[in-house]
Amino acid sequence: QVQLVESGGGLVQPGRSLRPSCAASGFILVNYAIGWFRQAPGKEREGVSCISASDGITMYADSVKGRFTIYRDNGKNTVYLQMNSLKPYDTAVYYCAADRLWREQLCALRARRYDTWGQGTQVTVSS
């Protein structure tokens, strides 16, 4: 069964860190572009970061550059999003997604590029 499962969200104070993970089953992550997105209440889904297939080129939204790092563990078939210096506006449900339909090498921060989505994990940053 093809699926993505996120975990590792939670409640943290501003300035702290979290590392959500995105585990794949039924397909091999390294062969596909993977994106992380987030959606806060009342807002549209926003592209946060992505990692390209094979060569692992990464992209980041301006709002998270220098604070978030996306990386892959091929042995665990998992993508991680290391989030440091968290701020209250980072509060959202975080989703990972795979481009299994278009199979484009280079990733993108557009949600329409991705056809396989996880269920999401809640990240809350509050004092």
PDB file of N, CA and C in Angstrom:
ATOM      1  N   GLN A   1       0.845  -1.195   0.000  1.00  0.00           N
ATOM      2  CA  GLN A   1       0.000   0.000   0.000  1.00  0.00           C
ATOM      3  C   GLN A   1       0.877   1.241   0.000  1.00  0.00           C
ATOM      4  N   VAL A   2       0.608   2.147  -0.935  1.00  0.00           N
ATOM      5  CA  VAL A   2       1.365   3.387  -1.034  1.00  0.00           C
ATOM      6  C   VAL A   2       0.829   4.390  -0.025  1.00  0.00           C
ATOM      7  N   GLN A   3       1.705   4.867   0.862  1.00  0.00           N
ATOM      8  CA  GLN A   3       1.270   5.886   1.796  1.00  0.00           C
ATOM      9  C   GLN A   3       2.449   6.624   2.404  1.00  0.00           C
ATOM     10  N   LEU A   4       2.148   7.819   2.912  1.00  0.00           N
ATOM     11  CA  LEU A   4       3.096   8.638   3.669  1.00  0.00           C
ATOM     12  C   LEU A   4       2.503   8.845   5.062  1.00  0.00           C
ATOM     13  N   VAL A   5       3.345   8.712   6.067  1.00  0.00           N
ATOM     14  CA  VAL A   5       2.888   8.888   7.440  1.00  0.00           C
ATOM     15  C   VAL A   5       3.803   9.880   8.141  1.00  0.00           C
ATOM     16  N   GLU A   6       3.223  11.005   8.580  1.00  0.00           N
ATOM     17  CA  GLU A   6       3.991  12.007   9.316  1.00  0.00           C
ATOM     18  C   GLU A   6       3.899  11.728  10.813  1.00  0.00           C
ATOM     19  N   SER A   7       4.943  12.112  11.514  1.00  0.00           N
ATOM     20  CA  SER A   7       4.948  12.062  12.972  1.00  0.00           C
ATOM     21  C   SER A   7       5.966  13.073  13.462  1.00  0.00           C
ATOM     22  N   GLY A   8       5.979  13.287  14.787  1.00  0.00           N
ATOM     23  CA  GLY A   8       7.004  14.156  15.356  1.00  0.00           C
ATOM     24  C   GLY A   8       6.575  15.589  15.586  1.00  0.00           C
ATOM     25  N   GLY A   9       5.306  15.887  15.379  1.00  0.00           N
ATOM     26  CA  GLY A   9       4.823  17.213  15.726  1.00  0.00           C
ATOM     27  C   GLY A   9       4.668  17.329  17.237  1.00  0.00           C
ATOM     28  N   GLY A  10       4.152  18.482  17.689  1.00  0.00           N
ATOM     29  CA  GLY A  10       3.943  18.649  19.118  1.00  0.00           C
ATOM     30  C   GLY A  10       3.807  20.100  19.501  1.00  0.00           C
ATOM     31  N   LEU A  11       3.829  20.331  20.816  1.00  0.00           N
ATOM     32  CA  LEU A  11       3.730  21.681  21.385  1.00  0.00           C
ATOM     33  C   LEU A  11       5.094  22.070  21.930  1.00  0.00           C
ATOM     34  N   VAL A  12       5.619  23.203  21.466  1.00  0.00           N
ATOM     35  CA  VAL A  12       6.913  23.675  21.949  1.00  0.00           C
ATOM     36  C   VAL A  12       6.859  25.168  22.193  1.00  0.00           C
ATOM     37  N   GLN A  13       7.791  25.652  22.991  1.00  0.00           N
ATOM     38  CA  GLN A  13       7.896  27.084  23.253  1.00  0.00           C
ATOM     39  C   GLN A  13       8.640  27.784  22.113  1.00  0.00           C
ATOM     40  N   PRO A  14       8.403  29.057  21.911  1.00  0.00           N
ATOM     41  CA  PRO A  14       9.168  29.788  20.891  1.00  0.00           C
ATOM     42  C   PRO A  14      10.664  29.665  21.124  1.00  0.00           C
ATOM     43  N   GLY A  15      11.385  29.513  20.009  1.00  0.00           N
ATOM     44  CA  GLY A  15      12.831  29.369  20.087  1.00  0.00           C
ATOM     45  C   GLY A  15      13.315  27.936  20.166  1.00  0.00           C
ATOM     46  N   ARG A  16      12.418  26.996  20.453  1.00  0.00           N
ATOM     47  CA  ARG A  16      12.812  25.588  20.550  1.00  0.00           C
ATOM     48  C   ARG A  16      12.753  24.910  19.188  1.00  0.00           C
ATOM     49  N   SER A  17      13.014  23.594  19.180  1.00  0.00           N
ATOM     50  CA  SER A  17      13.112  22.831  17.930  1.00  0.00           C
ATOM     51  C   SER A  17      12.156  21.642  17.916  1.00  0.00           C
ATOM     52  N   LEU A  18      11.825  21.218  16.702  1.00  0.00           N
ATOM     53  CA  LEU A  18      11.081  19.980  16.471  1.00  0.00           C
ATOM     54  C   LEU A  18      11.611  19.360  15.181  1.00  0.00           C
ATOM     55  N   ARG A  19      11.420  18.046  15.050  1.00  0.00           N
ATOM     56  CA  ARG A  19      11.852  17.365  13.827  1.00  0.00           C
ATOM     57  C   ARG A  19      10.762  16.401  13.362  1.00  0.00           C
ATOM     58  N   PRO A  20       9.757  16.907  12.643  1.00  0.00           N
ATOM     59  CA  PRO A  20       8.763  15.998  12.072  1.00  0.00           C
ATOM     60  C   PRO A  20       9.411  15.063  11.055  1.00  0.00           C
ATOM     61  N   SER A  21       8.843  13.860  10.956  1.00  0.00           N
ATOM     62  CA  SER A  21       9.330  12.893   9.981  1.00  0.00           C
ATOM     63  C   SER A  21       8.202  12.471   9.058  1.00  0.00           C
ATOM     64  N   CYS A  22       8.587  11.974   7.886  1.00  0.00           N
ATOM     65  CA  CYS A  22       7.645  11.545   6.852  1.00  0.00           C
ATOM     66  C   CYS A  22       8.132  10.197   6.347  1.00  0.00           C
ATOM     67  N   ALA A  23       7.487   9.131   6.780  1.00  0.00           N
ATOM     68  CA  ALA A  23       7.895   7.782   6.407  1.00  0.00           C
ATOM     69  C   ALA A  23       7.034   7.269   5.263  1.00  0.00           C
ATOM     70  N   ALA A  24       7.698   6.694   4.266  1.00  0.00           N
ATOM     71  CA  ALA A  24       6.980   6.190   3.095  1.00  0.00           C
ATOM     72  C   ALA A  24       6.882   4.671   3.136  1.00  0.00           C
ATOM     73  N   SER A  25       5.785   4.161   2.616  1.00  0.00           N
ATOM     74  CA  SER A  25       5.642   2.722   2.408  1.00  0.00           C
ATOM     75  C   SER A  25       5.047   2.501   1.026  1.00  0.00           C
ATOM     76  N   GLY A  26       5.428   1.408   0.402  1.00  0.00           N
ATOM     77  CA  GLY A  26       4.908   1.083  -0.919  1.00  0.00           C
ATOM     78  C   GLY A  26       5.669   1.710  -2.071  1.00  0.00           C
ATOM     79  N   PHE A  27       6.612   2.586  -1.785  1.00  0.00           N
ATOM     80  CA  PHE A  27       7.457   3.166  -2.831  1.00  0.00           C
ATOM     81  C   PHE A  27       8.739   3.684  -2.188  1.00  0.00           C
ATOM     82  N   ILE A  28       9.749   3.958  -3.014  1.00  0.00           N
ATOM     83  CA  ILE A  28      11.062   4.369  -2.519  1.00  0.00           C
ATOM     84  C   ILE A  28      11.191   5.881  -2.644  1.00  0.00           C
ATOM     85  N   LEU A  29      11.333   6.547  -1.509  1.00  0.00           N
ATOM     86  CA  LEU A  29      11.308   8.004  -1.459  1.00  0.00           C
ATOM     87  C   LEU A  29      12.364   8.659  -2.332  1.00  0.00           C
ATOM     88  N   VAL A  30      13.569   8.110  -2.383  1.00  0.00           N
ATOM     89  CA  VAL A  30      14.663   8.774  -3.068  1.00  0.00           C
ATOM     90  C   VAL A  30      14.379   8.944  -4.561  1.00  0.00           C
ATOM     91  N   ASN A  31      13.446   8.193  -5.092  1.00  0.00           N
ATOM     92  CA  ASN A  31      13.132   8.260  -6.517  1.00  0.00           C
ATOM     93  C   ASN A  31      12.126   9.355  -6.876  1.00  0.00           C
ATOM     94  N   TYR A  32      11.647  10.088  -5.840  1.00  0.00           N
ATOM     95  CA  TYR A  32      10.580  11.070  -6.074  1.00  0.00           C
ATOM     96  C   TYR A  32      10.897  12.387  -5.364  1.00  0.00           C
ATOM     97  N   ALA A  33      10.414  13.473  -5.946  1.00  0.00           N
ATOM     98  CA  ALA A  33      10.482  14.758  -5.256  1.00  0.00           C
ATOM     99  C   ALA A  33       9.493  14.731  -4.090  1.00  0.00           C
ATOM    100  N   ILE A  34       9.946  15.241  -2.954  1.00  0.00           N
ATOM    101  CA  ILE A  34       9.143  15.257  -1.738  1.00  0.00           C
ATOM    102  C   ILE A  34       9.031  16.689  -1.233  1.00  0.00           C
ATOM    103  N   GLY A  35       7.842  17.077  -0.825  1.00  0.00           N
ATOM    104  CA  GLY A  35       7.627  18.417  -0.295  1.00  0.00           C
ATOM    105  C   GLY A  35       7.016  18.387   1.093  1.00  0.00           C
ATOM    106  N   TRP A  36       7.330  19.419   1.858  1.00  0.00           N
ATOM    107  CA  TRP A  36       6.668  19.671   3.143  1.00  0.00           C
ATOM    108  C   TRP A  36       5.815  20.922   2.990  1.00  0.00           C
ATOM    109  N   PHE A  37       4.571  20.845   3.430  1.00  0.00           N
ATOM    110  CA  PHE A  37       3.640  21.951   3.370  1.00  0.00           C
ATOM    111  C   PHE A  37       3.038  22.160   4.754  1.00  0.00           C
ATOM    112  N   ARG A  38       2.452  23.329   4.959  1.00  0.00           N
ATOM    113  CA  ARG A  38       1.773  23.569   6.224  1.00  0.00           C
ATOM    114  C   ARG A  38       0.506  24.375   5.974  1.00  0.00           C
ATOM    115  N   GLN A  39      -0.448  24.183   6.859  1.00  0.00           N
ATOM    116  CA  GLN A  39      -1.704  24.918   6.756  1.00  0.00           C
ATOM    117  C   GLN A  39      -2.168  25.315   8.143  1.00  0.00           C
ATOM    118  N   ALA A  40      -2.265  26.620   8.352  1.00  0.00           N
ATOM    119  CA  ALA A  40      -2.773  27.158   9.606  1.00  0.00           C
ATOM    120  C   ALA A  40      -4.277  27.405   9.457  1.00  0.00           C
ATOM    121  N   PRO A  41      -4.995  27.460  10.563  1.00  0.00           N
ATOM    122  CA  PRO A  41      -6.447  27.685  10.503  1.00  0.00           C
ATOM    123  C   PRO A  41      -6.787  28.958   9.738  1.00  0.00           C
ATOM    124  N   GLY A  42      -7.706  28.849   8.782  1.00  0.00           N
ATOM    125  CA  GLY A  42      -8.142  30.009   8.019  1.00  0.00           C
ATOM    126  C   GLY A  42      -7.186  30.472   6.943  1.00  0.00           C
ATOM    127  N   LYS A  43      -6.088  29.724   6.737  1.00  0.00           N
ATOM    128  CA  LYS A  43      -5.098  30.120   5.728  1.00  0.00           C
ATOM    129  C   LYS A  43      -4.952  29.034   4.669  1.00  0.00           C
ATOM    130  N   GLU A  44      -4.401  29.427   3.530  1.00  0.00           N
ATOM    131  CA  GLU A  44      -4.156  28.456   2.467  1.00  0.00           C
ATOM    132  C   GLU A  44      -2.923  27.608   2.796  1.00  0.00           C
ATOM    133  N   ARG A  45      -2.890  26.442   2.160  1.00  0.00           N
ATOM    134  CA  ARG A  45      -1.729  25.577   2.337  1.00  0.00           C
ATOM    135  C   ARG A  45      -0.503  26.255   1.731  1.00  0.00           C
ATOM    136  N   GLU A  46       0.609  26.192   2.461  1.00  0.00           N
ATOM    137  CA  GLU A  46       1.839  26.911   2.091  1.00  0.00           C
ATOM    138  C   GLU A  46       2.989  25.920   1.935  1.00  0.00           C
ATOM    139  N   GLY A  47       3.747  26.056   0.843  1.00  0.00           N
ATOM    140  CA  GLY A  47       4.934  25.241   0.666  1.00  0.00           C
ATOM    141  C   GLY A  47       6.039  25.694   1.588  1.00  0.00           C
ATOM    142  N   VAL A  48       6.636  24.788   2.336  1.00  0.00           N
ATOM    143  CA  VAL A  48       7.677  25.115   3.318  1.00  0.00           C
ATOM    144  C   VAL A  48       9.060  24.749   2.792  1.00  0.00           C
ATOM    145  N   SER A  49       9.191  23.515   2.318  1.00  0.00           N
ATOM    146  CA  SER A  49      10.478  23.034   1.847  1.00  0.00           C
ATOM    147  C   SER A  49      10.253  21.820   0.964  1.00  0.00           C
ATOM    148  N   CYS A  50      11.251  21.508   0.148  1.00  0.00           N
ATOM    149  CA  CYS A  50      11.164  20.297  -0.659  1.00  0.00           C
ATOM    150  C   CYS A  50      12.561  19.791  -0.971  1.00  0.00           C
ATOM    151  N   ILE A  51      12.621  18.498  -1.337  1.00  0.00           N
ATOM    152  CA  ILE A  51      13.888  17.881  -1.691  1.00  0.00           C
ATOM    153  C   ILE A  51      13.677  17.117  -2.992  1.00  0.00           C
ATOM    154  N   SER A  52      14.583  17.329  -3.931  1.00  0.00           N
ATOM    155  CA  SER A  52      14.426  16.750  -5.264  1.00  0.00           C
ATOM    156  C   SER A  52      14.803  15.275  -5.272  1.00  0.00           C
ATOM    157  N   ALA A  53      14.289  14.564  -6.274  1.00  0.00           N
ATOM    158  CA  ALA A  53      14.611  13.159  -6.429  1.00  0.00           C
ATOM    159  C   ALA A  53      16.099  12.997  -6.746  1.00  0.00           C
ATOM    160  N   SER A  54      16.642  11.890  -6.318  1.00  0.00           N
ATOM    161  CA  SER A  54      18.026  11.466  -6.599  1.00  0.00           C
ATOM    162  C   SER A  54      19.089  12.424  -6.077  1.00  0.00           C
ATOM    163  N   ASP A  55      19.261  13.618  -6.707  1.00  0.00           N
ATOM    164  CA  ASP A  55      20.381  14.475  -6.331  1.00  0.00           C
ATOM    165  C   ASP A  55      20.141  15.270  -5.054  1.00  0.00           C
ATOM    166  N   GLY A  56      18.905  15.294  -4.568  1.00  0.00           N
ATOM    167  CA  GLY A  56      18.627  15.900  -3.271  1.00  0.00           C
ATOM    168  C   GLY A  56      18.729  17.405  -3.204  1.00  0.00           C
ATOM    169  N   ILE A  57      18.564  18.088  -4.340  1.00  0.00           N
ATOM    170  CA  ILE A  57      18.525  19.558  -4.302  1.00  0.00           C
ATOM    171  C   ILE A  57      17.340  19.987  -3.436  1.00  0.00           C
ATOM    172  N   THR A  58      17.580  20.987  -2.581  1.00  0.00           N
ATOM    173  CA  THR A  58      16.549  21.412  -1.641  1.00  0.00           C
ATOM    174  C   THR A  58      16.094  22.839  -1.931  1.00  0.00           C
ATOM    175  N   MET A  59      14.873  23.156  -1.510  1.00  0.00           N
ATOM    176  CA  MET A  59      14.316  24.493  -1.621  1.00  0.00           C
ATOM    177  C   MET A  59      13.600  24.844  -0.328  1.00  0.00           C
ATOM    178  N   TYR A  60      13.551  26.131  -0.021  1.00  0.00           N
ATOM    179  CA  TYR A  60      12.912  26.597   1.201  1.00  0.00           C
ATOM    180  C   TYR A  60      12.099  27.855   0.927  1.00  0.00           C
ATOM    181  N   ALA A  61      10.984  27.978   1.628  1.00  0.00           N
ATOM    182  CA  ALA A  61      10.241  29.232   1.614  1.00  0.00           C
ATOM    183  C   ALA A  61      11.065  30.287   2.344  1.00  0.00           C
ATOM    184  N   ASP A  62      10.922  31.540   1.951  1.00  0.00           N
ATOM    185  CA  ASP A  62      11.692  32.617   2.584  1.00  0.00           C
ATOM    186  C   ASP A  62      11.446  32.672   4.086  1.00  0.00           C
ATOM    187  N   SER A  63      10.244  32.335   4.495  1.00  0.00           N
ATOM    188  CA  SER A  63       9.881  32.445   5.913  1.00  0.00           C
ATOM    189  C   SER A  63      10.605  31.448   6.800  1.00  0.00           C
ATOM    190  N   VAL A  64      11.219  30.409   6.207  1.00  0.00           N
ATOM    191  CA  VAL A  64      11.885  29.381   7.022  1.00  0.00           C
ATOM    192  C   VAL A  64      13.370  29.233   6.700  1.00  0.00           C
ATOM    193  N   LYS A  65      13.869  29.969   5.713  1.00  0.00           N
ATOM    194  CA  LYS A  65      15.279  29.858   5.348  1.00  0.00           C
ATOM    195  C   LYS A  65      16.170  30.182   6.531  1.00  0.00           C
ATOM    196  N   GLY A  66      17.186  29.336   6.724  1.00  0.00           N
ATOM    197  CA  GLY A  66      18.105  29.527   7.831  1.00  0.00           C
ATOM    198  C   GLY A  66      17.623  28.916   9.137  1.00  0.00           C
ATOM    199  N   ARG A  67      16.358  28.494   9.197  1.00  0.00           N
ATOM    200  CA  ARG A  67      15.824  27.879  10.420  1.00  0.00           C
ATOM    201  C   ARG A  67      15.445  26.422  10.206  1.00  0.00           C
ATOM    202  N   PHE A  68      14.956  26.072   9.033  1.00  0.00           N
ATOM    203  CA  PHE A  68      14.503  24.712   8.736  1.00  0.00           C
ATOM    204  C   PHE A  68      15.494  24.034   7.795  1.00  0.00           C
ATOM    205  N   THR A  69      15.633  22.720   7.968  1.00  0.00           N
ATOM    206  CA  THR A  69      16.460  21.910   7.081  1.00  0.00           C
ATOM    207  C   THR A  69      15.714  20.631   6.726  1.00  0.00           C
ATOM    208  N   ILE A  70      15.619  20.345   5.442  1.00  0.00           N
ATOM    209  CA  ILE A  70      14.994  19.105   4.987  1.00  0.00           C
ATOM    210  C   ILE A  70      16.099  18.130   4.594  1.00  0.00           C
ATOM    211  N   TYR A  71      15.928  16.860   4.952  1.00  0.00           N
ATOM    212  CA  TYR A  71      16.912  15.859   4.552  1.00  0.00           C
ATOM    213  C   TYR A  71      16.259  14.491   4.520  1.00  0.00           C
ATOM    214  N   ARG A  72      16.961  13.576   3.880  1.00  0.00           N
ATOM    215  CA  ARG A  72      16.437  12.231   3.641  1.00  0.00           C
ATOM    216  C   ARG A  72      17.338  11.199   4.278  1.00  0.00           C
ATOM    217  N   ASP A  73      16.733  10.157   4.838  1.00  0.00           N
ATOM    218  CA  ASP A  73      17.460   8.972   5.299  1.00  0.00           C
ATOM    219  C   ASP A  73      17.000   7.833   4.396  1.00  0.00           C
ATOM    220  N   ASN A  74      17.806   7.519   3.391  1.00  0.00           N
ATOM    221  CA  ASN A  74      17.386   6.517   2.405  1.00  0.00           C
ATOM    222  C   ASN A  74      17.228   5.137   3.032  1.00  0.00           C
ATOM    223  N   GLY A  75      18.039   4.830   4.020  1.00  0.00           N
ATOM    224  CA  GLY A  75      17.944   3.530   4.678  1.00  0.00           C
ATOM    225  C   GLY A  75      16.628   3.333   5.407  1.00  0.00           C
ATOM    226  N   LYS A  76      16.062   4.436   5.896  1.00  0.00           N
ATOM    227  CA  LYS A  76      14.788   4.377   6.611  1.00  0.00           C
ATOM    228  C   LYS A  76      13.613   4.784   5.725  1.00  0.00           C
ATOM    229  N   ASN A  77      13.908   5.144   4.474  1.00  0.00           N
ATOM    230  CA  ASN A  77      12.868   5.562   3.536  1.00  0.00           C
ATOM    231  C   ASN A  77      12.016   6.685   4.149  1.00  0.00           C
ATOM    232  N   THR A  78      12.710   7.651   4.741  1.00  0.00           N
ATOM    233  CA  THR A  78      12.055   8.711   5.507  1.00  0.00           C
ATOM    234  C   THR A  78      12.673  10.063   5.178  1.00  0.00           C
ATOM    235  N   VAL A  79      11.823  11.091   5.133  1.00  0.00           N
ATOM    236  CA  VAL A  79      12.281  12.465   4.987  1.00  0.00           C
ATOM    237  C   VAL A  79      11.984  13.205   6.290  1.00  0.00           C
ATOM    238  N   TYR A  80      12.918  14.029   6.708  1.00  0.00           N
ATOM    239  CA  TYR A  80      12.774  14.786   7.948  1.00  0.00           C
ATOM    240  C   TYR A  80      12.746  16.280   7.655  1.00  0.00           C
ATOM    241  N   LEU A  81      12.123  17.023   8.568  1.00  0.00           N
ATOM    242  CA  LEU A  81      12.159  18.472   8.510  1.00  0.00           C
ATOM    243  C   LEU A  81      12.640  18.969   9.874  1.00  0.00           C
ATOM    244  N   GLN A  82      13.917  19.309   9.957  1.00  0.00           N
ATOM    245  CA  GLN A  82      14.475  19.847  11.197  1.00  0.00           C
ATOM    246  C   GLN A  82      14.075  21.309  11.301  1.00  0.00           C
ATOM    247  N   MET A  83      13.325  21.640  12.340  1.00  0.00           N
ATOM    248  CA  MET A  83      12.808  22.994  12.518  1.00  0.00           C
ATOM    249  C   MET A  83      13.419  23.597  13.781  1.00  0.00           C
ATOM    250  N   ASN A  84      14.241  24.615  13.611  1.00  0.00           N
ATOM    251  CA  ASN A  84      14.886  25.292  14.728  1.00  0.00           C
ATOM    252  C   ASN A  84      14.345  26.703  14.876  1.00  0.00           C
ATOM    253  N   SER A  85      14.588  27.293  16.029  1.00  0.00           N
ATOM    254  CA  SER A  85      14.174  28.676  16.299  1.00  0.00           C
ATOM    255  C   SER A  85      12.706  28.892  15.926  1.00  0.00           C
ATOM    256  N   LEU A  86      11.863  28.000  16.400  1.00  0.00           N
ATOM    257  CA  LEU A  86      10.445  28.057  16.032  1.00  0.00           C
ATOM    258  C   LEU A  86       9.782  29.321  16.565  1.00  0.00           C
ATOM    259  N   LYS A  87       8.833  29.806  15.781  1.00  0.00           N
ATOM    260  CA  LYS A  87       8.109  31.029  16.110  1.00  0.00           C
ATOM    261  C   LYS A  87       6.613  30.731  16.143  1.00  0.00           C
ATOM    262  N   PRO A  88       5.852  31.533  16.843  1.00  0.00           N
ATOM    263  CA  PRO A  88       4.395  31.278  16.903  1.00  0.00           C
ATOM    264  C   PRO A  88       3.748  31.173  15.531  1.00  0.00           C
ATOM    265  N   TYR A  89       4.222  31.911  14.547  1.00  0.00           N
ATOM    266  CA  TYR A  89       3.587  31.840  13.224  1.00  0.00           C
ATOM    267  C   TYR A  89       3.930  30.562  12.470  1.00  0.00           C
ATOM    268  N   ASP A  90       4.807  29.728  13.028  1.00  0.00           N
ATOM    269  CA  ASP A  90       5.049  28.408  12.445  1.00  0.00           C
ATOM    270  C   ASP A  90       3.958  27.412  12.823  1.00  0.00           C
ATOM    271  N   THR A  91       3.070  27.802  13.715  1.00  0.00           N
ATOM    272  CA  THR A  91       1.992  26.920  14.142  1.00  0.00           C
ATOM    273  C   THR A  91       1.091  26.563  12.968  1.00  0.00           C
ATOM    274  N   ALA A  92       0.926  25.253  12.736  1.00  0.00           N
ATOM    275  CA  ALA A  92       0.132  24.766  11.605  1.00  0.00           C
ATOM    276  C   ALA A  92       0.108  23.242  11.641  1.00  0.00           C
ATOM    277  N   VAL A  93      -0.728  22.664  10.775  1.00  0.00           N
ATOM    278  CA  VAL A  93      -0.620  21.241  10.493  1.00  0.00           C
ATOM    279  C   VAL A  93       0.385  21.095   9.349  1.00  0.00           C
ATOM    280  N   TYR A  94       1.361  20.229   9.560  1.00  0.00           N
ATOM    281  CA  TYR A  94       2.417  20.019   8.573  1.00  0.00           C
ATOM    282  C   TYR A  94       2.163  18.714   7.828  1.00  0.00           C
ATOM    283  N   TYR A  95       2.228  18.801   6.495  1.00  0.00           N
ATOM    284  CA  TYR A  95       1.995  17.660   5.625  1.00  0.00           C
ATOM    285  C   TYR A  95       3.230  17.406   4.756  1.00  0.00           C
ATOM    286  N   CYS A  96       3.500  16.141   4.496  1.00  0.00           N
ATOM    287  CA  CYS A  96       4.478  15.829   3.462  1.00  0.00           C
ATOM    288  C   CYS A  96       3.746  15.246   2.259  1.00  0.00           C
ATOM    289  N   ALA A  97       4.376  15.370   1.100  1.00  0.00           N
ATOM    290  CA  ALA A  97       3.732  14.936  -0.125  1.00  0.00           C
ATOM    291  C   ALA A  97       4.791  14.459  -1.117  1.00  0.00           C
ATOM    292  N   ALA A  98       4.409  13.541  -1.983  1.00  0.00           N
ATOM    293  CA  ALA A  98       5.317  12.984  -2.991  1.00  0.00           C
ATOM    294  C   ALA A  98       4.761  13.226  -4.388  1.00  0.00           C
ATOM    295  N   ASP A  99       5.671  13.541  -5.304  1.00  0.00           N
ATOM    296  CA  ASP A  99       5.311  13.697  -6.719  1.00  0.00           C
ATOM    297  C   ASP A  99       5.495  12.350  -7.406  1.00  0.00           C
ATOM    298  N   ARG A 100       4.473  11.509  -7.318  1.00  0.00           N
ATOM    299  CA  ARG A 100       4.559  10.175  -7.922  1.00  0.00           C
ATOM    300  C   ARG A 100       3.920  10.144  -9.297  1.00  0.00           C
ATOM    301  N   LEU A 101       3.195  11.224  -9.643  1.00  0.00           N
ATOM    302  CA  LEU A 101       2.480  11.240 -10.922  1.00  0.00           C
ATOM    303  C   LEU A 101       3.340  11.845 -12.033  1.00  0.00           C
ATOM    304  N   TRP A 102       3.874  13.061 -11.810  1.00  0.00           N
ATOM    305  CA  TRP A 102       4.642  13.762 -12.844  1.00  0.00           C
ATOM    306  C   TRP A 102       6.072  13.246 -12.933  1.00  0.00           C
ATOM    307  N   ARG A 103       6.594  12.736 -11.834  1.00  0.00           N
ATOM    308  CA  ARG A 103       7.947  12.191 -11.776  1.00  0.00           C
ATOM    309  C   ARG A 103       9.000  13.205 -12.226  1.00  0.00           C
ATOM    310  N   GLU A 104       8.817  14.479 -11.902  1.00  0.00           N
ATOM    311  CA  GLU A 104       9.831  15.467 -12.231  1.00  0.00           C
ATOM    312  C   GLU A 104      10.961  15.404 -11.210  1.00  0.00           C
ATOM    313  N   GLN A 105      12.164  15.493 -11.676  1.00  0.00           N
ATOM    314  CA  GLN A 105      13.338  15.376 -10.806  1.00  0.00           C
ATOM    315  C   GLN A 105      13.393  16.510  -9.785  1.00  0.00           C
ATOM    316  N   LEU A 106      13.266  17.733 -10.262  1.00  0.00           N
ATOM    317  CA  LEU A 106      13.415  18.907  -9.410  1.00  0.00           C
ATOM    318  C   LEU A 106      12.122  19.155  -8.645  1.00  0.00           C
ATOM    319  N   CYS A 107      12.268  19.359  -7.356  1.00  0.00           N
ATOM    320  CA  CYS A 107      11.074  19.574  -6.550  1.00  0.00           C
ATOM    321  C   CYS A 107      10.572  21.007  -6.713  1.00  0.00           C
ATOM    322  N   ALA A 108       9.395  21.280  -6.147  1.00  0.00           N
ATOM    323  CA  ALA A 108       8.798  22.610  -6.202  1.00  0.00           C
ATOM    324  C   ALA A 108       7.955  22.817  -4.956  1.00  0.00           C
ATOM    325  N   LEU A 109       7.659  24.076  -4.655  1.00  0.00           N
ATOM    326  CA  LEU A 109       6.871  24.382  -3.465  1.00  0.00           C
ATOM    327  C   LEU A 109       5.406  24.617  -3.806  1.00  0.00           C
ATOM    328  N   ARG A 110       4.958  24.111  -4.946  1.00  0.00           N
ATOM    329  CA  ARG A 110       3.560  24.221  -5.365  1.00  0.00           C
ATOM    330  C   ARG A 110       2.842  22.924  -5.017  1.00  0.00           C
ATOM    331  N   ALA A 111       1.737  23.047  -4.305  1.00  0.00           N
ATOM    332  CA  ALA A 111       1.014  21.854  -3.855  1.00  0.00           C
ATOM    333  C   ALA A 111       0.496  21.024  -5.030  1.00  0.00           C
ATOM    334  N   ARG A 112       0.182  21.676  -6.167  1.00  0.00           N
ATOM    335  CA  ARG A 112      -0.399  20.952  -7.305  1.00  0.00           C
ATOM    336  C   ARG A 112       0.582  19.965  -7.926  1.00  0.00           C
ATOM    337  N   ARG A 113       1.861  20.111  -7.608  1.00  0.00           N
ATOM    338  CA  ARG A 113       2.854  19.173  -8.131  1.00  0.00           C
ATOM    339  C   ARG A 113       2.765  17.799  -7.496  1.00  0.00           C
ATOM    340  N   TYR A 114       2.098  17.696  -6.360  1.00  0.00           N
ATOM    341  CA  TYR A 114       2.160  16.488  -5.545  1.00  0.00           C
ATOM    342  C   TYR A 114       0.811  15.787  -5.493  1.00  0.00           C
ATOM    343  N   ASP A 115       0.873  14.461  -5.623  1.00  0.00           N
ATOM    344  CA  ASP A 115      -0.355  13.698  -5.708  1.00  0.00           C
ATOM    345  C   ASP A 115      -0.549  12.721  -4.558  1.00  0.00           C
ATOM    346  N   THR A 116       0.495  12.470  -3.785  1.00  0.00           N
ATOM    347  CA  THR A 116       0.408  11.526  -2.661  1.00  0.00           C
ATOM    348  C   THR A 116       0.692  12.302  -1.384  1.00  0.00           C
ATOM    349  N   TRP A 117      -0.258  12.329  -0.471  1.00  0.00           N
ATOM    350  CA  TRP A 117      -0.174  13.164   0.728  1.00  0.00           C
ATOM    351  C   TRP A 117      -0.320  12.324   1.988  1.00  0.00           C
ATOM    352  N   GLY A 118       0.371  12.769   3.037  1.00  0.00           N
ATOM    353  CA  GLY A 118       0.178  12.171   4.343  1.00  0.00           C
ATOM    354  C   GLY A 118      -1.010  12.800   5.055  1.00  0.00           C
ATOM    355  N   GLN A 119      -1.260  12.354   6.277  1.00  0.00           N
ATOM    356  CA  GLN A 119      -2.426  12.802   7.031  1.00  0.00           C
ATOM    357  C   GLN A 119      -2.149  14.078   7.812  1.00  0.00           C
ATOM    358  N   GLY A 120      -0.878  14.445   7.969  1.00  0.00           N
ATOM    359  CA  GLY A 120      -0.503  15.662   8.668  1.00  0.00           C
ATOM    360  C   GLY A 120      -0.146  15.435  10.124  1.00  0.00           C
ATOM    361  N   THR A 121       0.672  16.347  10.647  1.00  0.00           N
ATOM    362  CA  THR A 121       1.037  16.331  12.058  1.00  0.00           C
ATOM    363  C   THR A 121       0.975  17.771  12.577  1.00  0.00           C
ATOM    364  N   GLN A 122       0.378  17.949  13.745  1.00  0.00           N
ATOM    365  CA  GLN A 122       0.167  19.288  14.301  1.00  0.00           C
ATOM    366  C   GLN A 122       1.445  19.800  14.967  1.00  0.00           C
ATOM    367  N   VAL A 123       1.817  21.028  14.622  1.00  0.00           N
ATOM    368  CA  VAL A 123       2.921  21.719  15.276  1.00  0.00           C
ATOM    369  C   VAL A 123       2.356  23.000  15.889  1.00  0.00           C
ATOM    370  N   THR A 124       2.538  23.150  17.196  1.00  0.00           N
ATOM    371  CA  THR A 124       2.057  24.329  17.900  1.00  0.00           C
ATOM    372  C   THR A 124       3.217  24.981  18.639  1.00  0.00           C
ATOM    373  N   VAL A 125       3.425  26.253  18.350  1.00  0.00           N
ATOM    374  CA  VAL A 125       4.511  26.999  18.991  1.00  0.00           C
ATOM    375  C   VAL A 125       3.876  28.081  19.860  1.00  0.00           C
ATOM    376  N   SER A 126       4.008  27.908  21.156  1.00  0.00           N
ATOM    377  CA  SER A 126       3.338  28.820  22.079  1.00  0.00           C
ATOM    378  C   SER A 126       4.029  28.793  23.421  1.00  0.00           C
ATOM    379  N   SER A 127       4.032  29.934  24.083  1.00  0.00           N
ATOM    380  CA  SER A 127       4.593  30.004  25.435  1.00  0.00           C
ATOM    381  C   SER A 127       3.506  29.759  26.478  1.00  0.00           C
TER     382      SER A 127
END
